[in-house]
Amino acid sequence: MARSKSTKNQSAKSVKSKKAKKVVYRGRIYMYASYNNTILTFTDDNGDVLAWSSAGVVGFSGARKSTPYAAQKAAENLNSKIAKFGVKEVDVYIKGAGAAKQLALKELSNGGYRICSLIDNNPVRMGGTRPRKRPRK
């Protein structure tokens, strides 16, 4: 049996082309504030997610994730990510019942862009609960 000598494969190296930076002048920020966490998502007008942040990503865990301070830090993190896109105007959509909504919104307003609209998408209960039975006499 003849052994073949191992030759180094000298094929041309593949060069990755750099992805062109996306410039977005107008976008949307979706804020979901639950009792356990606050999640912020930045999208363009088509709905393509460009950046996101949450209290857990910033480094908070357990009961500290649900605090308004953690939501503020998550919004600050999202602001630094958004700055790379050159955003001028945003629409903010808020959903959830957590206590951290106001402080996160205050931090988002410090982002250097104009907040055009603020929409609260909290689900509203329809009909409510069933009334009590009439007592017997």
N, C-alpha and C. Protein backbone atom coordinates (compact mmCIF):
# COMPACT_ATOMS: atom_id res chain seq x y z
N MET A 1 0.83 -1.17 0.00
CA MET A 1 0.00 0.00 0.00
C MET A 1 0.87 1.24 0.00
N ALA A 2 0.58 2.08 -0.90
CA ALA A 2 1.35 3.31 -1.00
C ALA A 2 0.64 4.40 -0.23
N ARG A 3 1.39 5.04 0.61
CA ARG A 3 0.81 6.14 1.39
C ARG A 3 0.99 7.43 0.63
N SER A 4 -0.07 8.20 0.60
CA SER A 4 0.03 9.49 -0.07
C SER A 4 0.49 10.53 0.94
N LYS A 5 1.35 11.38 0.48
CA LYS A 5 1.84 12.44 1.35
C LYS A 5 0.72 13.44 1.57
N SER A 6 0.62 13.91 2.80
CA SER A 6 -0.41 14.90 3.08
C SER A 6 0.06 16.26 2.58
N THR A 7 -0.73 16.82 1.74
CA THR A 7 -0.41 18.14 1.21
C THR A 7 -1.37 19.15 1.82
N LYS A 8 -0.83 20.30 2.07
CA LYS A 8 -1.66 21.35 2.64
C LYS A 8 -2.58 21.90 1.57
N ASN A 9 -3.79 22.07 1.97
CA ASN A 9 -4.77 22.62 1.05
C ASN A 9 -4.55 24.13 0.97
N GLN A 10 -4.11 24.58 -0.17
CA GLN A 10 -3.80 25.99 -0.35
C GLN A 10 -4.87 26.67 -1.21
N SER A 11 -6.09 26.47 -0.84
CA SER A 11 -7.17 27.11 -1.58
C SER A 11 -7.25 28.58 -1.15
N ALA A 12 -7.88 29.36 -1.97
CA ALA A 12 -8.01 30.79 -1.69
C ALA A 12 -8.87 31.00 -0.46
N LYS A 13 -8.43 31.90 0.39
CA LYS A 13 -9.18 32.19 1.60
C LYS A 13 -10.44 32.97 1.23
N SER A 14 -11.52 32.59 1.87
CA SER A 14 -12.77 33.31 1.59
C SER A 14 -12.78 34.59 2.41
N VAL A 15 -13.05 35.66 1.76
CA VAL A 15 -13.08 36.96 2.41
C VAL A 15 -14.53 37.35 2.61
N LYS A 16 -14.88 37.59 3.88
CA LYS A 16 -16.25 37.99 4.17
C LYS A 16 -16.40 39.47 3.90
N SER A 17 -17.41 39.78 3.13
CA SER A 17 -17.66 41.20 2.89
C SER A 17 -18.43 41.77 4.07
N LYS A 18 -18.10 42.97 4.46
CA LYS A 18 -18.77 43.60 5.59
C LYS A 18 -20.20 43.96 5.20
N LYS A 19 -21.10 43.70 6.12
CA LYS A 19 -22.50 44.01 5.89
C LYS A 19 -22.69 45.52 5.98
N ALA A 20 -23.43 46.06 5.05
CA ALA A 20 -23.66 47.51 5.06
C ALA A 20 -24.52 47.87 6.27
N LYS A 21 -24.15 48.95 6.95
CA LYS A 21 -24.91 49.39 8.11
C LYS A 21 -26.26 49.90 7.67
N LYS A 22 -27.28 49.47 8.39
CA LYS A 22 -28.63 49.91 8.07
C LYS A 22 -28.89 51.25 8.74
N VAL A 23 -29.41 52.18 7.98
CA VAL A 23 -29.74 53.50 8.52
C VAL A 23 -31.26 53.59 8.60
N VAL A 24 -31.75 53.82 9.80
CA VAL A 24 -33.19 53.90 10.03
C VAL A 24 -33.48 55.25 10.67
N TYR A 25 -34.29 56.06 10.00
CA TYR A 25 -34.61 57.38 10.53
C TYR A 25 -35.85 57.35 11.43
N ARG A 26 -36.72 56.38 11.20
CA ARG A 26 -37.94 56.26 11.99
C ARG A 26 -38.14 54.79 12.36
N GLY A 27 -38.46 54.53 13.62
CA GLY A 27 -38.64 53.16 14.07
C GLY A 27 -39.68 53.06 15.16
N ARG A 28 -39.78 51.85 15.70
CA ARG A 28 -40.74 51.59 16.76
C ARG A 28 -40.02 50.91 17.92
N ILE A 29 -40.45 51.24 19.14
CA ILE A 29 -39.95 50.58 20.33
C ILE A 29 -41.13 49.92 21.01
N TYR A 30 -41.03 48.60 21.20
CA TYR A 30 -42.05 47.84 21.90
C TYR A 30 -41.54 47.54 23.30
N MET A 31 -42.33 47.93 24.30
CA MET A 31 -41.94 47.70 25.69
C MET A 31 -42.96 46.77 26.33
N TYR A 32 -42.48 45.63 26.83
CA TYR A 32 -43.34 44.69 27.53
C TYR A 32 -42.88 44.63 28.98
N ALA A 33 -43.73 45.11 29.88
CA ALA A 33 -43.37 45.18 31.29
C ALA A 33 -44.25 44.21 32.06
N SER A 34 -43.67 43.06 32.43
CA SER A 34 -44.41 42.09 33.23
C SER A 34 -44.02 42.29 34.70
N TYR A 35 -44.56 41.45 35.56
CA TYR A 35 -44.22 41.56 36.98
C TYR A 35 -42.82 41.01 37.25
N ASN A 36 -42.26 40.24 36.31
CA ASN A 36 -40.96 39.62 36.53
C ASN A 36 -39.82 40.21 35.71
N ASN A 37 -40.11 40.88 34.61
CA ASN A 37 -39.05 41.36 33.73
C ASN A 37 -39.59 42.50 32.86
N THR A 38 -38.69 43.23 32.24
CA THR A 38 -39.06 44.27 31.28
C THR A 38 -38.27 44.02 30.01
N ILE A 39 -38.97 43.88 28.88
CA ILE A 39 -38.33 43.57 27.60
C ILE A 39 -38.59 44.72 26.65
N LEU A 40 -37.52 45.24 26.03
CA LEU A 40 -37.61 46.35 25.08
C LEU A 40 -37.10 45.87 23.72
N THR A 41 -37.85 46.16 22.66
CA THR A 41 -37.48 45.73 21.32
C THR A 41 -37.56 46.92 20.38
N PHE A 42 -36.52 47.12 19.56
CA PHE A 42 -36.52 48.20 18.57
C PHE A 42 -36.67 47.59 17.18
N THR A 43 -37.64 48.07 16.41
CA THR A 43 -37.87 47.58 15.05
C THR A 43 -37.94 48.76 14.09
N ASP A 44 -37.79 48.45 12.80
CA ASP A 44 -38.02 49.49 11.80
C ASP A 44 -39.51 49.51 11.48
N ASP A 45 -39.92 50.32 10.50
CA ASP A 45 -41.34 50.44 10.20
C ASP A 45 -41.94 49.17 9.61
N ASN A 46 -41.11 48.30 9.04
CA ASN A 46 -41.60 47.03 8.49
C ASN A 46 -41.81 45.98 9.57
N GLY A 47 -41.26 46.20 10.76
CA GLY A 47 -41.38 45.25 11.84
C GLY A 47 -40.17 44.35 12.01
N ASP A 48 -39.09 44.62 11.27
CA ASP A 48 -37.87 43.82 11.40
C ASP A 48 -37.13 44.24 12.66
N VAL A 49 -36.82 43.27 13.53
CA VAL A 49 -36.15 43.56 14.79
C VAL A 49 -34.70 43.92 14.52
N LEU A 50 -34.29 45.07 15.02
CA LEU A 50 -32.92 45.55 14.84
C LEU A 50 -32.11 45.48 16.12
N ALA A 51 -32.75 45.68 17.27
CA ALA A 51 -32.05 45.63 18.55
C ALA A 51 -33.06 45.32 19.64
N TRP A 52 -32.57 44.71 20.72
CA TRP A 52 -33.44 44.44 21.85
C TRP A 52 -32.63 44.42 23.13
N SER A 53 -33.33 44.57 24.24
CA SER A 53 -32.68 44.57 25.53
C SER A 53 -33.71 44.17 26.58
N SER A 54 -33.24 43.68 27.70
CA SER A 54 -34.12 43.36 28.82
C SER A 54 -33.34 43.51 30.11
N ALA A 55 -34.05 43.45 31.21
CA ALA A 55 -33.39 43.59 32.51
C ALA A 55 -32.47 42.41 32.77
N GLY A 56 -32.79 41.25 32.25
CA GLY A 56 -31.94 40.09 32.42
C GLY A 56 -30.65 40.19 31.63
N VAL A 57 -30.70 40.78 30.44
CA VAL A 57 -29.52 40.94 29.59
C VAL A 57 -28.52 41.90 30.25
N VAL A 58 -29.03 42.91 30.91
CA VAL A 58 -28.18 43.92 31.54
C VAL A 58 -27.41 43.33 32.72
N GLY A 59 -27.93 42.28 33.33
CA GLY A 59 -27.20 41.63 34.41
C GLY A 59 -27.99 41.43 35.68
N PHE A 60 -29.26 41.79 35.68
CA PHE A 60 -30.09 41.60 36.86
C PHE A 60 -30.69 40.20 36.84
N SER A 61 -30.87 39.62 38.01
CA SER A 61 -31.47 38.30 38.07
C SER A 61 -32.38 38.21 39.27
N GLY A 62 -33.30 37.28 39.21
CA GLY A 62 -34.22 37.05 40.32
C GLY A 62 -35.19 38.20 40.53
N ALA A 63 -35.40 38.56 41.78
CA ALA A 63 -36.37 39.60 42.12
C ALA A 63 -35.90 40.98 41.68
N ARG A 64 -34.60 41.16 41.46
CA ARG A 64 -34.10 42.48 41.04
C ARG A 64 -34.45 42.80 39.60
N LYS A 65 -34.80 41.78 38.80
CA LYS A 65 -35.17 42.01 37.40
C LYS A 65 -36.46 42.81 37.27
N SER A 66 -37.34 42.68 38.27
CA SER A 66 -38.65 43.32 38.17
C SER A 66 -38.66 44.74 38.69
N THR A 67 -37.52 45.27 39.10
CA THR A 67 -37.49 46.61 39.68
C THR A 67 -37.47 47.68 38.59
N PRO A 68 -37.95 48.89 38.90
CA PRO A 68 -37.88 49.97 37.93
C PRO A 68 -36.44 50.36 37.56
N TYR A 69 -35.52 50.20 38.49
CA TYR A 69 -34.12 50.53 38.20
C TYR A 69 -33.56 49.60 37.12
N ALA A 70 -33.91 48.33 37.17
CA ALA A 70 -33.46 47.37 36.16
C ALA A 70 -34.04 47.73 34.79
N ALA A 71 -35.29 48.17 34.76
CA ALA A 71 -35.90 48.59 33.50
C ALA A 71 -35.23 49.84 32.95
N GLN A 72 -34.82 50.74 33.84
CA GLN A 72 -34.12 51.94 33.41
C GLN A 72 -32.79 51.58 32.76
N LYS A 73 -32.06 50.64 33.36
CA LYS A 73 -30.78 50.21 32.81
C LYS A 73 -30.97 49.48 31.48
N ALA A 74 -32.06 48.74 31.34
CA ALA A 74 -32.35 48.06 30.08
C ALA A 74 -32.65 49.09 28.98
N ALA A 75 -33.38 50.15 29.32
CA ALA A 75 -33.68 51.21 28.36
C ALA A 75 -32.41 51.97 27.98
N GLU A 76 -31.53 52.16 28.93
CA GLU A 76 -30.25 52.82 28.66
C GLU A 76 -29.40 51.97 27.71
N ASN A 77 -29.42 50.66 27.90
CA ASN A 77 -28.71 49.74 27.02
C ASN A 77 -29.29 49.78 25.61
N LEU A 78 -30.63 49.83 25.50
CA LEU A 78 -31.27 49.91 24.19
C LEU A 78 -30.94 51.23 23.50
N ASN A 79 -30.89 52.32 24.26
CA ASN A 79 -30.54 53.62 23.68
C ASN A 79 -29.15 53.60 23.05
N SER A 80 -28.21 52.92 23.70
CA SER A 80 -26.86 52.86 23.13
C SER A 80 -26.82 52.02 21.87
N LYS A 81 -27.68 51.00 21.79
CA LYS A 81 -27.75 50.17 20.58
C LYS A 81 -28.43 50.91 19.43
N ILE A 82 -29.46 51.69 19.76
CA ILE A 82 -30.22 52.43 18.75
C ILE A 82 -29.38 53.55 18.14
N ALA A 83 -28.48 54.12 18.91
CA ALA A 83 -27.69 55.26 18.43
C ALA A 83 -26.89 54.92 17.18
N LYS A 84 -26.55 53.67 16.98
CA LYS A 84 -25.77 53.25 15.81
C LYS A 84 -26.57 53.33 14.51
N PHE A 85 -27.90 53.35 14.61
CA PHE A 85 -28.74 53.35 13.42
C PHE A 85 -29.10 54.75 12.93
N GLY A 86 -28.80 55.79 13.68
CA GLY A 86 -29.10 57.15 13.28
C GLY A 86 -30.58 57.48 13.34
N VAL A 87 -31.25 57.04 14.37
CA VAL A 87 -32.70 57.21 14.50
C VAL A 87 -33.03 58.65 14.87
N LYS A 88 -34.05 59.20 14.23
CA LYS A 88 -34.52 60.55 14.54
C LYS A 88 -35.86 60.55 15.27
N GLU A 89 -36.77 59.61 14.89
CA GLU A 89 -38.11 59.58 15.47
C GLU A 89 -38.49 58.13 15.80
N VAL A 90 -39.23 57.95 16.90
CA VAL A 90 -39.72 56.62 17.26
C VAL A 90 -41.16 56.70 17.74
N ASP A 91 -41.86 55.59 17.59
CA ASP A 91 -43.17 55.39 18.19
C ASP A 91 -42.99 54.35 19.28
N VAL A 92 -43.57 54.57 20.45
CA VAL A 92 -43.40 53.66 21.57
C VAL A 92 -44.72 52.95 21.84
N TYR A 93 -44.68 51.62 21.86
CA TYR A 93 -45.84 50.79 22.15
C TYR A 93 -45.59 50.09 23.48
N ILE A 94 -46.47 50.31 24.46
CA ILE A 94 -46.30 49.78 25.80
C ILE A 94 -47.36 48.72 26.06
N LYS A 95 -46.92 47.60 26.64
CA LYS A 95 -47.85 46.54 26.99
C LYS A 95 -47.41 45.93 28.31
N GLY A 96 -48.37 45.58 29.15
CA GLY A 96 -48.05 44.92 30.40
C GLY A 96 -48.46 45.73 31.61
N ALA A 97 -48.36 45.07 32.76
CA ALA A 97 -48.84 45.68 34.00
C ALA A 97 -47.72 45.91 35.01
N GLY A 98 -46.50 45.82 34.62
CA GLY A 98 -45.39 45.98 35.55
C GLY A 98 -45.23 47.41 36.01
N ALA A 99 -44.53 47.59 37.12
CA ALA A 99 -44.35 48.91 37.71
C ALA A 99 -43.21 49.68 37.05
N ALA A 100 -42.47 49.05 36.17
CA ALA A 100 -41.25 49.64 35.64
C ALA A 100 -41.47 50.47 34.37
N LYS A 101 -42.69 50.59 33.92
CA LYS A 101 -42.96 51.27 32.65
C LYS A 101 -42.54 52.73 32.65
N GLN A 102 -42.85 53.44 33.72
CA GLN A 102 -42.63 54.88 33.74
C GLN A 102 -41.15 55.25 33.74
N LEU A 103 -40.36 54.55 34.52
CA LEU A 103 -38.93 54.88 34.58
C LEU A 103 -38.22 54.48 33.29
N ALA A 104 -38.64 53.39 32.68
CA ALA A 104 -38.06 52.99 31.40
C ALA A 104 -38.41 53.99 30.32
N LEU A 105 -39.64 54.49 30.33
CA LEU A 105 -40.05 55.49 29.35
C LEU A 105 -39.30 56.80 29.54
N LYS A 106 -39.05 57.17 30.78
CA LYS A 106 -38.29 58.38 31.07
C LYS A 106 -36.86 58.25 30.52
N GLU A 107 -36.27 57.08 30.66
CA GLU A 107 -34.92 56.85 30.13
C GLU A 107 -34.92 56.83 28.61
N LEU A 108 -35.98 56.30 28.00
CA LEU A 108 -36.07 56.29 26.53
C LEU A 108 -36.17 57.71 25.98
N SER A 109 -36.81 58.60 26.73
CA SER A 109 -36.94 59.98 26.25
C SER A 109 -35.60 60.72 26.27
N ASN A 110 -34.62 60.20 27.03
CA ASN A 110 -33.28 60.79 27.05
C ASN A 110 -32.38 60.25 25.94
N GLY A 111 -32.95 59.52 25.00
CA GLY A 111 -32.16 58.85 23.98
C GLY A 111 -31.66 59.73 22.85
N GLY A 112 -32.12 60.95 22.74
CA GLY A 112 -31.66 61.84 21.68
C GLY A 112 -32.51 61.77 20.42
N TYR A 113 -33.65 61.13 20.48
CA TYR A 113 -34.57 61.08 19.35
C TYR A 113 -35.93 61.56 19.84
N ARG A 114 -36.81 61.85 18.89
CA ARG A 114 -38.13 62.40 19.22
C ARG A 114 -39.13 61.26 19.33
N ILE A 115 -39.90 61.24 20.40
CA ILE A 115 -40.97 60.26 20.56
C ILE A 115 -42.23 60.85 19.95
N CYS A 116 -42.64 60.29 18.81
CA CYS A 116 -43.79 60.83 18.08
C CYS A 116 -45.12 60.43 18.72
N SER A 117 -45.24 59.17 19.05
CA SER A 117 -46.49 58.71 19.64
C SER A 117 -46.21 57.69 20.74
N LEU A 118 -47.12 57.65 21.68
CA LEU A 118 -47.02 56.75 22.82
C LEU A 118 -48.33 55.98 22.89
N ILE A 119 -48.28 54.68 22.61
CA ILE A 119 -49.49 53.89 22.50
C ILE A 119 -49.47 52.80 23.56
N ASP A 120 -50.54 52.73 24.36
CA ASP A 120 -50.64 51.72 25.41
C ASP A 120 -51.52 50.59 24.90
N ASN A 121 -50.95 49.40 24.74
CA ASN A 121 -51.66 48.25 24.19
C ASN A 121 -52.06 47.26 25.28
N ASN A 122 -52.39 47.74 26.47
CA ASN A 122 -52.78 46.82 27.53
C ASN A 122 -54.07 46.12 27.15
N PRO A 123 -54.10 44.79 27.31
CA PRO A 123 -55.35 44.09 27.01
C PRO A 123 -56.41 44.43 28.05
N VAL A 124 -57.60 44.78 27.59
CA VAL A 124 -58.69 45.16 28.48
C VAL A 124 -59.63 43.97 28.60
N ARG A 125 -60.00 43.64 29.83
CA ARG A 125 -60.92 42.52 30.01
C ARG A 125 -62.28 42.90 29.48
N MET A 126 -62.91 41.95 28.79
CA MET A 126 -64.23 42.19 28.22
C MET A 126 -65.26 41.43 29.06
N GLY A 127 -66.23 42.16 29.58
CA GLY A 127 -67.31 41.50 30.31
C GLY A 127 -67.05 41.33 31.79
N GLY A 128 -65.81 41.16 32.19
CA GLY A 128 -65.50 41.01 33.59
C GLY A 128 -65.89 39.65 34.14
N THR A 129 -66.03 39.58 35.45
CA THR A 129 -66.36 38.31 36.10
C THR A 129 -67.87 38.13 36.20
N ARG A 130 -68.27 36.93 36.50
CA ARG A 130 -69.69 36.63 36.61
C ARG A 130 -70.21 37.18 37.94
N PRO A 131 -71.40 37.81 37.96
CA PRO A 131 -71.92 38.36 39.21
C PRO A 131 -72.33 37.26 40.19
N ARG A 132 -72.39 37.62 41.45
CA ARG A 132 -72.79 36.66 42.49
C ARG A 132 -74.23 36.21 42.32
N LYS A 133 -74.46 34.99 42.82
CA LYS A 133 -75.81 34.47 42.80
C LYS A 133 -76.68 35.24 43.79
N ARG A 134 -77.94 35.42 43.46
CA ARG A 134 -78.85 36.14 44.35
C ARG A 134 -79.11 35.29 45.59
N PRO A 135 -78.98 35.89 46.79
CA PRO A 135 -79.17 35.08 48.00
C PRO A 135 -80.61 34.64 48.18
N ARG A 136 -80.79 33.45 48.82
CA ARG A 136 -82.15 32.95 49.09
C ARG A 136 -82.72 33.62 50.33
N LYS A 137 -84.07 33.72 50.35
CA LYS A 137 -84.72 34.35 51.51
C LYS A 137 -85.41 33.33 52.37
